[in-house]
Amino acid sequence: MRIGAGRVVAGLVALLAVAGCGSEVPEGLVLKESKGAGAPASPYAGPLKAKTPSWVGEDSPLEGGGAALLTLECEGKPGSGGSGSDYDDDPADSPEEALAAQVGDQFWHDMPDRDYRVERRTGSRVLFSYDVGGRTRAAVIVAKGRADKAGWRGETRASCDPSEFRRADRERLDIKVWEDRRGRPVSTTKIDSSMGPEHCDWQTVEFLHLDSAKDRRGQGRQYLRDPEGQLTGLKTLRSSYAEDVPMPADAVDTGYRHHGRELWLAADGAAAYVRTDGRVERWPGVTEPVACA
């Protein structure tokens, strides 16, 4: 179980069920108890309730991850962690329903939405783990309340970078995990993209982020694909969106790929160029990150 630092990524998990009295657990969310060939290589034997490690700073995307962070076995650094949910004031009838509420929470959008297994149980807590190759890539710990807080609620959760999830599960996230030339997933601290939020009417805008881990504010560079001109006129735009443009002579192939798209960058950095089947789009960069409140 290894731990480190990371960042929260943009996007939403598509999960329709919300836990609560009488709710149903989505099919495929929970597997049987960890036994046989599908069991973790090294079952977690540590505490199910613990303080968040001291190295996790204030305002870190891992803040509040507690014991769930301790269960992770990431290849790289953890991507996110946290405690509870803003939407589970009503207790669930079962640990599985509490799990469904956690991975379906719209503000926690980088968790797998299926294939969790019960890795460990105590009298009042259950550890659900999502494993890849027998190693824990995401974990949710749910706890049973007492007295006026009876029922099950999410307590802590944590996950590795989404690039460490299985391909089929990465595709179910709204966040787009890019790959390198050899088809290997790339960490979202280097590149990711996602569609804008519907509540700001930005669902046709794709937001591309590069090298967020290298920026001290965790923001990096941002580029926008805006075919309907939703953000045209922003003073922070360094260029403009356009289709069927020539590739700049000084553009360099980054090697990043996503569903047949190639990402190229020109020397001035004012825009990103995305080539698909020989056709090139220009995605403007911004001087300040664009976000929806």
C-alpha atoms as a PDB file:
ATOM      1  CA  MET A   1       0.000   0.000   0.000  1.00  0.00           C
ATOM      2  CA  ARG A   2       1.827   3.101  -1.203  1.00  0.00           C
ATOM      3  CA  ILE A   3       0.778   6.730  -0.861  1.00  0.00           C
ATOM      4  CA  GLY A   4       1.774  10.089  -2.385  1.00  0.00           C
ATOM      5  CA  ALA A   5       0.369  13.374  -3.691  1.00  0.00           C
ATOM      6  CA  GLY A   6      -1.801  14.147  -6.723  1.00  0.00           C
ATOM      7  CA  ARG A   7      -4.666  16.249  -8.044  1.00  0.00           C
ATOM      8  CA  VAL A   8      -8.386  16.059  -8.622  1.00  0.00           C
ATOM      9  CA  VAL A   9      -9.368  15.820 -12.263  1.00  0.00           C
ATOM     10  CA  ALA A  10     -12.339  17.219 -14.075  1.00  0.00           C
ATOM     11  CA  GLY A  11     -15.384  15.285 -15.314  1.00  0.00           C
ATOM     12  CA  LEU A  12     -18.289  13.224 -13.960  1.00  0.00           C
ATOM     13  CA  VAL A  13     -18.901   9.532 -13.211  1.00  0.00           C
ATOM     14  CA  ALA A  14     -21.996   8.299 -15.005  1.00  0.00           C
ATOM     15  CA  LEU A  15     -23.925   6.487 -12.277  1.00  0.00           C
ATOM     16  CA  LEU A  16     -27.672   6.829 -12.042  1.00  0.00           C
ATOM     17  CA  ALA A  17     -28.373   5.192  -8.688  1.00  0.00           C
ATOM     18  CA  VAL A  18     -28.273   7.224  -5.490  1.00  0.00           C
ATOM     19  CA  ALA A  19     -28.204   5.423  -2.180  1.00  0.00           C
ATOM     20  CA  GLY A  20     -30.982   5.774   0.349  1.00  0.00           C
ATOM     21  CA  CYS A  21     -33.823   3.856   1.831  1.00  0.00           C
ATOM     22  CA  GLY A  22     -35.182   1.375  -0.675  1.00  0.00           C
ATOM     23  CA  SER A  23     -32.611   2.199  -3.370  1.00  0.00           C
ATOM     24  CA  GLU A  24     -31.093  -0.519  -5.528  1.00  0.00           C
ATOM     25  CA  VAL A  25     -27.412  -1.208  -5.953  1.00  0.00           C
ATOM     26  CA  PRO A  26     -26.405  -0.915  -9.643  1.00  0.00           C
ATOM     27  CA  GLU A  27     -25.546  -4.227 -11.260  1.00  0.00           C
ATOM     28  CA  GLY A  28     -21.811  -4.815 -11.394  1.00  0.00           C
ATOM     29  CA  LEU A  29     -20.995  -2.282  -8.667  1.00  0.00           C
ATOM     30  CA  VAL A  30     -20.024  -4.849  -6.066  1.00  0.00           C
ATOM     31  CA  LEU A  31     -18.408  -8.247  -6.583  1.00  0.00           C
ATOM     32  CA  LYS A  32     -18.421 -11.130  -4.138  1.00  0.00           C
ATOM     33  CA  GLU A  33     -16.084 -11.310  -1.167  1.00  0.00           C
ATOM     34  CA  SER A  34     -12.382 -11.385  -2.085  1.00  0.00           C
ATOM     35  CA  LYS A  35     -11.523 -15.037  -2.584  1.00  0.00           C
ATOM     36  CA  GLY A  36      -9.595 -17.190  -5.006  1.00  0.00           C
ATOM     37  CA  ALA A  37      -7.932 -15.858  -8.162  1.00  0.00           C
ATOM     38  CA  GLY A  38      -9.641 -12.493  -7.950  1.00  0.00           C
ATOM     39  CA  ALA A  39      -8.476 -11.730  -4.411  1.00  0.00           C
ATOM     40  CA  PRO A  40      -5.936  -8.925  -3.774  1.00  0.00           C
ATOM     41  CA  ALA A  41      -2.310 -10.008  -3.908  1.00  0.00           C
ATOM     42  CA  SER A  42      -1.702  -8.410  -0.489  1.00  0.00           C
ATOM     43  CA  PRO A  43      -4.974  -7.970   1.441  1.00  0.00           C
ATOM     44  CA  TYR A  44      -5.031  -4.748   3.447  1.00  0.00           C
ATOM     45  CA  ALA A  45      -4.493  -5.409   7.156  1.00  0.00           C
ATOM     46  CA  GLY A  46      -4.190  -1.852   8.452  1.00  0.00           C
ATOM     47  CA  PRO A  47      -6.745   0.323  10.251  1.00  0.00           C
ATOM     48  CA  LEU A  48     -10.073   1.188   8.639  1.00  0.00           C
ATOM     49  CA  LYS A  49     -10.198   4.467  10.531  1.00  0.00           C
ATOM     50  CA  ALA A  50      -7.141   6.705  10.636  1.00  0.00           C
ATOM     51  CA  LYS A  51      -6.092  10.320  10.337  1.00  0.00           C
ATOM     52  CA  THR A  52      -5.068  11.576   6.921  1.00  0.00           C
ATOM     53  CA  PRO A  53      -1.263  11.228   6.627  1.00  0.00           C
ATOM     54  CA  SER A  54       0.621  14.273   7.892  1.00  0.00           C
ATOM     55  CA  TRP A  55       2.295  14.881   4.528  1.00  0.00           C
ATOM     56  CA  VAL A  56      -1.084  15.717   2.952  1.00  0.00           C
ATOM     57  CA  GLY A  57      -1.259  19.503   3.006  1.00  0.00           C
ATOM     58  CA  GLU A  58      -4.212  21.793   3.453  1.00  0.00           C
ATOM     59  CA  ASP A  59      -6.291  22.224   0.284  1.00  0.00           C
ATOM     60  CA  SER A  60      -4.674  19.102  -1.199  1.00  0.00           C
ATOM     61  CA  PRO A  61      -6.968  16.942  -3.373  1.00  0.00           C
ATOM     62  CA  LEU A  62      -6.086  14.139  -0.945  1.00  0.00           C
ATOM     63  CA  GLU A  63      -7.249  16.018   2.152  1.00  0.00           C
ATOM     64  CA  GLY A  64      -9.635  13.948   4.252  1.00  0.00           C
ATOM     65  CA  GLY A  65      -8.706  10.638   2.610  1.00  0.00           C
ATOM     66  CA  GLY A  66      -7.847   9.069   5.958  1.00  0.00           C
ATOM     67  CA  ALA A  67      -7.596   5.294   6.046  1.00  0.00           C
ATOM     68  CA  ALA A  68      -8.723   4.939   2.419  1.00  0.00           C
ATOM     69  CA  LEU A  69      -5.429   6.528   1.324  1.00  0.00           C
ATOM     70  CA  LEU A  70      -3.506   3.900   3.262  1.00  0.00           C
ATOM     71  CA  THR A  71      -5.115   1.069   1.294  1.00  0.00           C
ATOM     72  CA  LEU A  72      -3.988   2.253  -2.157  1.00  0.00           C
ATOM     73  CA  GLU A  73      -1.319   0.430  -4.174  1.00  0.00           C
ATOM     74  CA  CYS A  74      -0.732   2.924  -6.984  1.00  0.00           C
ATOM     75  CA  GLU A  75       1.979   2.655  -9.605  1.00  0.00           C
ATOM     76  CA  GLY A  76       2.337   6.426  -9.403  1.00  0.00           C
ATOM     77  CA  LYS A  77       0.932   8.900  -6.903  1.00  0.00           C
ATOM     78  CA  PRO A  78      -2.676   8.913  -5.644  1.00  0.00           C
ATOM     79  CA  GLY A  79      -4.998  11.158  -7.599  1.00  0.00           C
ATOM     80  CA  SER A  80      -7.670  12.038  -5.050  1.00  0.00           C
ATOM     81  CA  GLY A  81      -9.000  11.410  -1.585  1.00  0.00           C
ATOM     82  CA  GLY A  82     -11.720  12.724   0.652  1.00  0.00           C
ATOM     83  CA  SER A  83     -14.232  12.095   3.355  1.00  0.00           C
ATOM     84  CA  GLY A  84     -17.937  11.431   3.238  1.00  0.00           C
ATOM     85  CA  SER A  85     -20.329  13.042   0.799  1.00  0.00           C
ATOM     86  CA  ASP A  86     -22.333  16.230   0.680  1.00  0.00           C
ATOM     87  CA  TYR A  87     -25.320  14.204  -0.474  1.00  0.00           C
ATOM     88  CA  ASP A  88     -25.578  11.286   1.958  1.00  0.00           C
ATOM     89  CA  ASP A  89     -27.267  12.889   4.958  1.00  0.00           C
ATOM     90  CA  ASP A  90     -29.872  10.142   4.711  1.00  0.00           C
ATOM     91  CA  PRO A  91     -28.240   6.898   5.822  1.00  0.00           C
ATOM     92  CA  ALA A  92     -28.237   3.903   3.510  1.00  0.00           C
ATOM     93  CA  ASP A  93     -29.718   0.552   4.475  1.00  0.00           C
ATOM     94  CA  SER A  94     -26.610  -1.388   3.497  1.00  0.00           C
ATOM     95  CA  PRO A  95     -22.861  -0.906   2.924  1.00  0.00           C
ATOM     96  CA  GLU A  96     -23.410  -1.456  -0.814  1.00  0.00           C
ATOM     97  CA  GLU A  97     -25.928   1.397  -1.027  1.00  0.00           C
ATOM     98  CA  ALA A  98     -23.539   3.693   0.837  1.00  0.00           C
ATOM     99  CA  LEU A  99     -20.833   2.750  -1.684  1.00  0.00           C
ATOM    100  CA  ALA A 100     -23.178   3.574  -4.560  1.00  0.00           C
ATOM    101  CA  ALA A 101     -23.738   7.059  -3.126  1.00  0.00           C
ATOM    102  CA  GLN A 102     -19.993   7.671  -2.885  1.00  0.00           C
ATOM    103  CA  VAL A 103     -19.014   6.680  -6.413  1.00  0.00           C
ATOM    104  CA  GLY A 104     -22.139   8.374  -7.798  1.00  0.00           C
ATOM    105  CA  ASP A 105     -21.457  11.705  -6.081  1.00  0.00           C
ATOM    106  CA  GLN A 106     -21.163  14.257  -8.890  1.00  0.00           C
ATOM    107  CA  PHE A 107     -18.350  16.087  -7.096  1.00  0.00           C
ATOM    108  CA  TRP A 108     -16.217  12.942  -6.975  1.00  0.00           C
ATOM    109  CA  HIS A 109     -15.846  12.239 -10.646  1.00  0.00           C
ATOM    110  CA  ASP A 110     -12.662  10.197 -10.857  1.00  0.00           C
ATOM    111  CA  MET A 111     -13.789   6.994  -9.122  1.00  0.00           C
ATOM    112  CA  PRO A 112     -14.625   3.775 -11.005  1.00  0.00           C
ATOM    113  CA  ASP A 113     -18.367   3.094 -10.944  1.00  0.00           C
ATOM    114  CA  ARG A 114     -18.250  -0.724 -10.869  1.00  0.00           C
ATOM    115  CA  ASP A 115     -16.256  -3.841  -9.938  1.00  0.00           C
ATOM    116  CA  TYR A 116     -15.632  -3.090  -6.278  1.00  0.00           C
ATOM    117  CA  ARG A 117     -15.150  -6.013  -3.932  1.00  0.00           C
ATOM    118  CA  VAL A 118     -15.356  -6.363  -0.175  1.00  0.00           C
ATOM    119  CA  GLU A 119     -11.726  -6.547   0.897  1.00  0.00           C
ATOM    120  CA  ARG A 120     -12.273  -6.313   4.622  1.00  0.00           C
ATOM    121  CA  ARG A 121     -15.101  -6.094   7.162  1.00  0.00           C
ATOM    122  CA  THR A 122     -15.245  -5.126  10.814  1.00  0.00           C
ATOM    123  CA  GLY A 123     -18.316  -4.747  12.984  1.00  0.00           C
ATOM    124  CA  SER A 124     -18.954  -1.148  11.935  1.00  0.00           C
ATOM    125  CA  ARG A 125     -16.890  -0.617   8.769  1.00  0.00           C
ATOM    126  CA  VAL A 126     -16.489  -2.165   5.319  1.00  0.00           C
ATOM    127  CA  LEU A 127     -13.584  -1.587   2.929  1.00  0.00           C
ATOM    128  CA  PHE A 128     -14.535  -1.806  -0.743  1.00  0.00           C
ATOM    129  CA  SER A 129     -11.620  -1.965  -3.170  1.00  0.00           C
ATOM    130  CA  TYR A 130     -11.350  -1.658  -6.928  1.00  0.00           C
ATOM    131  CA  ASP A 131      -8.379  -3.770  -8.011  1.00  0.00           C
ATOM    132  CA  VAL A 132      -6.290  -3.973 -11.160  1.00  0.00           C
ATOM    133  CA  GLY A 133      -3.847  -6.841 -11.341  1.00  0.00           C
ATOM    134  CA  GLY A 134      -4.580  -7.713  -7.719  1.00  0.00           C
ATOM    135  CA  ARG A 135      -3.598  -4.225  -6.492  1.00  0.00           C
ATOM    136  CA  THR A 136      -5.937  -1.603  -5.051  1.00  0.00           C
ATOM    137  CA  ARG A 137      -6.456   1.385  -7.367  1.00  0.00           C
ATOM    138  CA  ALA A 138      -9.512   2.847  -5.630  1.00  0.00           C
ATOM    139  CA  ALA A 139     -11.031   2.354  -2.199  1.00  0.00           C
ATOM    140  CA  VAL A 140     -14.141   3.408  -0.313  1.00  0.00           C
ATOM    141  CA  ILE A 141     -14.651   2.832   3.403  1.00  0.00           C
ATOM    142  CA  VAL A 142     -18.221   2.997   4.661  1.00  0.00           C
ATOM    143  CA  ALA A 143     -19.206   3.085   8.325  1.00  0.00           C
ATOM    144  CA  LYS A 144     -22.297   2.240  10.311  1.00  0.00           C
ATOM    145  CA  GLY A 145     -23.632   4.990  12.527  1.00  0.00           C
ATOM    146  CA  ARG A 146     -24.954   4.747  16.050  1.00  0.00           C
ATOM    147  CA  ALA A 147     -28.032   6.048  17.872  1.00  0.00           C
ATOM    148  CA  ASP A 148     -29.503   8.977  15.903  1.00  0.00           C
ATOM    149  CA  LYS A 149     -27.035   8.329  13.089  1.00  0.00           C
ATOM    150  CA  ALA A 150     -27.979   4.728  12.467  1.00  0.00           C
ATOM    151  CA  GLY A 151     -27.456   3.351   8.981  1.00  0.00           C
ATOM    152  CA  TRP A 152     -24.479   3.276   6.598  1.00  0.00           C
ATOM    153  CA  ARG A 153     -22.623   6.300   5.260  1.00  0.00           C
ATOM    154  CA  GLY A 154     -19.456   6.827   3.275  1.00  0.00           C
ATOM    155  CA  GLU A 155     -16.553   7.711   5.560  1.00  0.00           C
ATOM    156  CA  THR A 156     -13.388   8.011   3.457  1.00  0.00           C
ATOM    157  CA  ARG A 157     -12.373   7.313  -0.130  1.00  0.00           C
ATOM    158  CA  ALA A 158      -9.291   7.559  -2.311  1.00  0.00           C
ATOM    159  CA  SER A 159      -8.113   6.587  -5.764  1.00  0.00           C
ATOM    160  CA  CYS A 160      -5.022   6.345  -7.908  1.00  0.00           C
ATOM    161  CA  ASP A 161      -4.759   8.382 -11.066  1.00  0.00           C
ATOM    162  CA  PRO A 162      -7.511   7.350 -13.537  1.00  0.00           C
ATOM    163  CA  SER A 163      -4.811   6.247 -15.987  1.00  0.00           C
ATOM    164  CA  GLU A 164      -4.312   3.237 -13.682  1.00  0.00           C
ATOM    165  CA  PHE A 165      -7.889   1.998 -14.094  1.00  0.00           C
ATOM    166  CA  ARG A 166      -8.815  -0.689 -16.627  1.00  0.00           C
ATOM    167  CA  ARG A 167      -9.377   0.652 -20.136  1.00  0.00           C
ATOM    168  CA  ALA A 168     -13.087  -0.195 -20.125  1.00  0.00           C
ATOM    169  CA  ASP A 169     -13.549   1.649 -16.846  1.00  0.00           C
ATOM    170  CA  ARG A 170     -11.562   4.677 -18.014  1.00  0.00           C
ATOM    171  CA  GLU A 171     -13.943   4.947 -20.929  1.00  0.00           C
ATOM    172  CA  ARG A 172     -16.898   5.162 -18.533  1.00  0.00           C
ATOM    173  CA  LEU A 173     -15.548   8.330 -16.905  1.00  0.00           C
ATOM    174  CA  ASP A 174     -16.334  11.759 -18.290  1.00  0.00           C
ATOM    175  CA  ILE A 175     -12.678  12.615 -17.923  1.00  0.00           C
ATOM    176  CA  LYS A 176     -10.781  11.602 -21.036  1.00  0.00           C
ATOM    177  CA  VAL A 177      -7.564   9.703 -20.337  1.00  0.00           C
ATOM    178  CA  TRP A 178      -5.131  10.180 -23.225  1.00  0.00           C
ATOM    179  CA  GLU A 179      -2.528   7.673 -24.391  1.00  0.00           C
ATOM    180  CA  ASP A 180       0.977   7.801 -25.820  1.00  0.00           C
ATOM    181  CA  ARG A 181       2.046   6.621 -29.273  1.00  0.00           C
ATOM    182  CA  ARG A 182       2.224   3.028 -28.045  1.00  0.00           C
ATOM    183  CA  GLY A 183      -1.291   3.085 -26.651  1.00  0.00           C
ATOM    184  CA  ARG A 184      -0.236   3.318 -23.003  1.00  0.00           C
ATOM    185  CA  PRO A 185      -2.431   5.514 -20.764  1.00  0.00           C
ATOM    186  CA  VAL A 186      -0.848   8.790 -19.665  1.00  0.00           C
ATOM    187  CA  SER A 187      -1.249  10.240 -16.178  1.00  0.00           C
ATOM    188  CA  THR A 188      -3.850  12.983 -15.909  1.00  0.00           C
ATOM    189  CA  THR A 189      -1.196  15.127 -14.226  1.00  0.00           C
ATOM    190  CA  LYS A 190       0.371  15.347 -17.701  1.00  0.00           C
ATOM    191  CA  ILE A 191      -2.737  15.548 -19.877  1.00  0.00           C
ATOM    192  CA  ASP A 192      -6.497  15.148 -19.600  1.00  0.00           C
ATOM    193  CA  SER A 193      -9.604  16.599 -21.166  1.00  0.00           C
ATOM    194  CA  SER A 194     -13.291  16.731 -20.353  1.00  0.00           C
ATOM    195  CA  MET A 195     -16.497  18.328 -21.543  1.00  0.00           C
ATOM    196  CA  GLY A 196     -17.785  21.424 -19.769  1.00  0.00           C
ATOM    197  CA  PRO A 197     -20.597  21.345 -17.193  1.00  0.00           C
ATOM    198  CA  GLU A 198     -24.182  21.427 -18.331  1.00  0.00           C
ATOM    199  CA  HIS A 199     -25.280  23.833 -15.589  1.00  0.00           C
ATOM    200  CA  CYS A 200     -23.115  26.524 -17.230  1.00  0.00           C
ATOM    201  CA  ASP A 201     -24.294  25.476 -20.713  1.00  0.00           C
ATOM    202  CA  TRP A 202     -20.726  24.534 -21.597  1.00  0.00           C
ATOM    203  CA  GLN A 203     -21.396  20.891 -22.468  1.00  0.00           C
ATOM    204  CA  THR A 204     -20.201  21.444 -26.065  1.00  0.00           C
ATOM    205  CA  VAL A 205     -16.842  22.848 -24.911  1.00  0.00           C
ATOM    206  CA  GLU A 206     -13.934  20.467 -24.367  1.00  0.00           C
ATOM    207  CA  PHE A 207     -11.318  21.569 -21.839  1.00  0.00           C
ATOM    208  CA  LEU A 208      -7.789  20.227 -22.353  1.00  0.00           C
ATOM    209  CA  HIS A 209      -5.229  20.452 -19.527  1.00  0.00           C
ATOM    210  CA  LEU A 210      -1.485  19.921 -19.855  1.00  0.00           C
ATOM    211  CA  ASP A 211       1.198  19.485 -17.196  1.00  0.00           C
ATOM    212  CA  SER A 212      -0.919  20.463 -14.208  1.00  0.00           C
ATOM    213  CA  ALA A 213       1.546  18.738 -11.868  1.00  0.00           C
ATOM    214  CA  LYS A 214       4.328  21.084 -12.980  1.00  0.00           C
ATOM    215  CA  ASP A 215       2.369  24.214 -12.103  1.00  0.00           C
ATOM    216  CA  ARG A 216       2.648  25.224  -8.456  1.00  0.00           C
ATOM    217  CA  ARG A 217      -1.083  25.991  -8.437  1.00  0.00           C
ATOM    218  CA  GLY A 218      -1.958  22.655 -10.004  1.00  0.00           C
ATOM    219  CA  GLN A 219      -3.404  24.308 -13.108  1.00  0.00           C
ATOM    220  CA  GLY A 220      -0.861  23.997 -15.898  1.00  0.00           C
ATOM    221  CA  ARG A 221      -1.866  24.972 -19.434  1.00  0.00           C
ATOM    222  CA  GLN A 222      -5.426  24.934 -20.672  1.00  0.00           C
ATOM    223  CA  TYR A 223      -6.832  24.814 -24.216  1.00  0.00           C
ATOM    224  CA  LEU A 224     -10.437  24.906 -25.386  1.00  0.00           C
ATOM    225  CA  ARG A 225     -12.333  23.190 -28.180  1.00  0.00           C
ATOM    226  CA  ASP A 226     -15.362  25.431 -28.702  1.00  0.00           C
ATOM    227  CA  PRO A 227     -17.081  24.628 -32.033  1.00  0.00           C
ATOM    228  CA  GLU A 228     -20.284  26.480 -31.076  1.00  0.00           C
ATOM    229  CA  GLY A 229     -18.522  29.614 -29.847  1.00  0.00           C
ATOM    230  CA  GLN A 230     -19.835  29.423 -26.284  1.00  0.00           C
ATOM    231  CA  LEU A 231     -16.748  31.151 -24.904  1.00  0.00           C
ATOM    232  CA  THR A 232     -15.972  33.455 -27.823  1.00  0.00           C
ATOM    233  CA  GLY A 233     -15.120  36.912 -26.551  1.00  0.00           C
ATOM    234  CA  LEU A 234     -13.346  35.837 -23.370  1.00  0.00           C
ATOM    235  CA  LYS A 235     -10.492  38.256 -22.711  1.00  0.00           C
ATOM    236  CA  THR A 236      -8.286  35.408 -21.550  1.00  0.00           C
ATOM    237  CA  LEU A 237      -8.263  33.662 -24.952  1.00  0.00           C
ATOM    238  CA  ARG A 238      -4.865  33.720 -26.660  1.00  0.00           C
ATOM    239  CA  SER A 239      -6.246  32.635 -30.024  1.00  0.00           C
ATOM    240  CA  SER A 240      -9.522  31.437 -31.518  1.00  0.00           C
ATOM    241  CA  TYR A 241     -11.085  28.094 -32.333  1.00  0.00           C
ATOM    242  CA  ALA A 242     -11.053  27.117 -36.003  1.00  0.00           C
ATOM    243  CA  GLU A 243     -11.566  24.010 -38.121  1.00  0.00           C
ATOM    244  CA  ASP A 244      -9.599  22.871 -41.165  1.00  0.00           C
ATOM    245  CA  VAL A 245      -6.539  25.022 -40.529  1.00  0.00           C
ATOM    246  CA  PRO A 246      -3.023  24.338 -41.806  1.00  0.00           C
ATOM    247  CA  MET A 247      -0.625  22.801 -39.308  1.00  0.00           C
ATOM    248  CA  PRO A 248       1.977  25.439 -38.304  1.00  0.00           C
ATOM    249  CA  ALA A 249       5.419  24.734 -39.686  1.00  0.00           C
ATOM    250  CA  ASP A 250       6.937  24.800 -36.192  1.00  0.00           C
ATOM    251  CA  ALA A 251       4.271  22.567 -34.590  1.00  0.00           C
ATOM    252  CA  VAL A 252       5.602  19.528 -32.749  1.00  0.00           C
ATOM    253  CA  ASP A 253       3.756  16.260 -32.202  1.00  0.00           C
ATOM    254  CA  THR A 254       3.414  15.710 -28.438  1.00  0.00           C
ATOM    255  CA  GLY A 255       2.790  12.002 -28.939  1.00  0.00           C
ATOM    256  CA  TYR A 256      -0.484  12.213 -27.020  1.00  0.00           C
ATOM    257  CA  ARG A 257      -3.433  10.408 -28.587  1.00  0.00           C
ATOM    258  CA  HIS A 258      -7.122   9.980 -27.867  1.00  0.00           C
ATOM    259  CA  HIS A 259      -9.495   8.016 -30.101  1.00  0.00           C
ATOM    260  CA  GLY A 260      -7.580   8.773 -33.268  1.00  0.00           C
ATOM    261  CA  ARG A 261      -6.769  12.375 -32.371  1.00  0.00           C
ATOM    262  CA  GLU A 262      -3.178  13.650 -32.301  1.00  0.00           C
ATOM    263  CA  LEU A 263      -2.123  16.625 -30.168  1.00  0.00           C
ATOM    264  CA  TRP A 264       0.410  19.066 -31.653  1.00  0.00           C
ATOM    265  CA  LEU A 265       1.808  22.270 -30.131  1.00  0.00           C
ATOM    266  CA  ALA A 266       3.325  25.266 -31.895  1.00  0.00           C
ATOM    267  CA  ALA A 267       6.246  27.245 -30.498  1.00  0.00           C
ATOM    268  CA  ASP A 268       4.243  30.283 -29.371  1.00  0.00           C
ATOM    269  CA  GLY A 269       1.896  28.165 -27.212  1.00  0.00           C
ATOM    270  CA  ALA A 270      -1.088  30.354 -28.095  1.00  0.00           C
ATOM    271  CA  ALA A 271      -3.061  27.350 -29.333  1.00  0.00           C
ATOM    272  CA  ALA A 272      -3.042  23.572 -29.509  1.00  0.00           C
ATOM    273  CA  TYR A 273      -3.537  21.791 -32.823  1.00  0.00           C
ATOM    274  CA  VAL A 274      -5.483  18.555 -32.918  1.00  0.00           C
ATOM    275  CA  ARG A 275      -5.249  16.419 -36.036  1.00  0.00           C
ATOM    276  CA  THR A 276      -7.792  13.729 -36.842  1.00  0.00           C
ATOM    277  CA  ASP A 277      -7.578  11.814 -40.139  1.00  0.00           C
ATOM    278  CA  GLY A 278      -5.489  14.606 -41.675  1.00  0.00           C
ATOM    279  CA  ARG A 279      -7.906  17.362 -40.626  1.00  0.00           C
ATOM    280  CA  VAL A 280      -6.563  19.957 -38.184  1.00  0.00           C
ATOM    281  CA  GLU A 281      -8.428  21.999 -35.570  1.00  0.00           C
ATOM    282  CA  ARG A 282      -6.998  24.957 -33.651  1.00  0.00           C
ATOM    283  CA  TRP A 283      -7.868  25.021 -29.938  1.00  0.00           C
ATOM    284  CA  PRO A 284      -7.103  28.389 -28.305  1.00  0.00           C
ATOM    285  CA  GLY A 285      -5.079  28.615 -25.124  1.00  0.00           C
ATOM    286  CA  VAL A 286      -5.905  30.929 -22.235  1.00  0.00           C
ATOM    287  CA  THR A 287      -3.906  33.284 -20.045  1.00  0.00           C
ATOM    288  CA  GLU A 288      -5.945  32.302 -16.969  1.00  0.00           C
ATOM    289  CA  PRO A 289      -7.779  29.017 -16.345  1.00  0.00           C
ATOM    290  CA  VAL A 290     -11.443  29.057 -17.355  1.00  0.00           C
ATOM    291  CA  ALA A 291     -13.783  27.435 -14.840  1.00  0.00           C
ATOM    292  CA  CYS A 292     -17.515  27.280 -14.207  1.00  0.00           C
ATOM    293  CA  ALA A 293     -18.673  28.389 -10.753  1.00  0.00           C
END
